[in-house]
Amino acid sequence: MSELTQLEQRLAAVERELAELKARSPSQRLGNPWKRMQGMLANEPLVDEWQQAMEAYRQQKDAEDRRP
C-alpha cells in the first residue's frame, strides 16, 4: 500500500471520527442556547423599564458628548 493511500485512509478515518464527535456534541443535540432563551422575557415589565432607562442614559451621554 502506498504512503499516499495510507494518508488518505487515515484522513478519512479522522474525518469520520470528527463527524461523530460533532454529532454527539451538546450544541448539536440541544441547539443554540441563545435561541432557546429567545422571547423568555417578552412579557416582563422590568425589561421595558430597563430599556427605557438605557435609552434615557444613551440620550444623556450623547448630549454630554455634543457639548463643547
Protein backbone atom coordinates (compact mmCIF):
# COMPACT_ATOMS: atom_id res chain seq x y z
CA MET A 1 0.00 0.00 0.00
CA SER A 2 1.43 3.36 -0.97
CA GLU A 3 2.14 6.08 1.53
CA LEU A 4 -0.40 8.35 -0.17
CA THR A 5 -3.11 5.70 0.14
CA GLN A 6 -2.30 5.26 3.84
CA LEU A 7 -2.53 9.00 4.40
CA GLU A 8 -5.85 9.18 2.58
CA GLN A 9 -7.24 6.35 4.69
CA ARG A 10 -6.05 7.96 7.93
CA LEU A 11 -7.55 11.29 6.87
CA ALA A 12 -10.86 9.62 6.06
CA ALA A 13 -10.84 7.94 9.49
CA VAL A 14 -10.15 11.24 11.24
CA GLU A 15 -12.94 12.94 9.29
CA ARG A 16 -15.38 10.17 10.28
CA GLU A 17 -14.38 10.48 13.93
CA LEU A 18 -14.72 14.27 13.81
CA ALA A 19 -18.18 13.99 12.28
CA GLU A 20 -19.18 11.55 15.05
CA LEU A 21 -17.86 13.87 17.77
CA LYS A 22 -19.71 16.83 16.27
CA ALA A 23 -22.93 14.83 16.14
CA ARG A 24 -22.58 13.94 19.82
CA SER A 25 -21.74 17.47 20.96
CA PRO A 26 -24.23 19.21 23.28
CA SER A 27 -24.64 22.12 20.88
CA GLN A 28 -25.82 19.74 18.16
CA ARG A 29 -28.26 17.94 20.46
CA LEU A 30 -29.62 21.00 22.22
CA GLY A 31 -29.32 23.66 19.56
CA ASN A 32 -28.17 27.21 20.03
CA PRO A 33 -28.63 28.19 23.70
CA TRP A 34 -29.32 31.82 22.75
CA LYS A 35 -32.20 30.74 20.52
CA ARG A 36 -33.68 28.66 23.34
CA MET A 37 -33.75 31.79 25.51
CA GLN A 38 -35.31 33.94 22.82
CA GLY A 39 -38.55 35.58 23.95
CA MET A 40 -38.39 34.36 27.53
CA LEU A 41 -38.57 37.95 28.83
CA ALA A 42 -41.13 39.18 26.31
CA ASN A 43 -43.82 39.86 28.91
CA GLU A 44 -41.53 41.04 31.69
CA PRO A 45 -42.35 44.63 32.76
CA LEU A 46 -38.87 45.16 34.22
CA VAL A 47 -37.36 44.63 30.77
CA ASP A 48 -39.40 47.52 29.37
CA GLU A 49 -38.36 49.69 32.31
CA TRP A 50 -34.72 48.71 31.80
CA GLN A 51 -34.88 49.52 28.08
CA GLN A 52 -36.36 52.95 28.81
CA ALA A 53 -33.66 53.65 31.40
CA MET A 54 -30.94 52.61 28.93
CA GLU A 55 -32.40 54.84 26.22
CA ALA A 56 -32.52 57.80 28.61
CA TYR A 57 -28.91 57.14 29.63
CA ARG A 58 -27.81 56.96 25.98
CA GLN A 59 -29.53 60.24 25.22
CA GLN A 60 -27.88 61.86 28.25
CA LYS A 61 -24.43 60.65 27.22
CA ASP A 62 -24.97 61.71 23.61
CA ALA A 63 -25.96 65.18 24.82
CA GLU A 64 -22.85 65.35 27.01
CA ASP A 65 -20.67 64.35 24.07
CA ARG A 66 -22.08 67.16 21.92
CA ARG A 67 -21.19 69.83 24.50
CA PRO A 68 -18.09 71.88 23.63
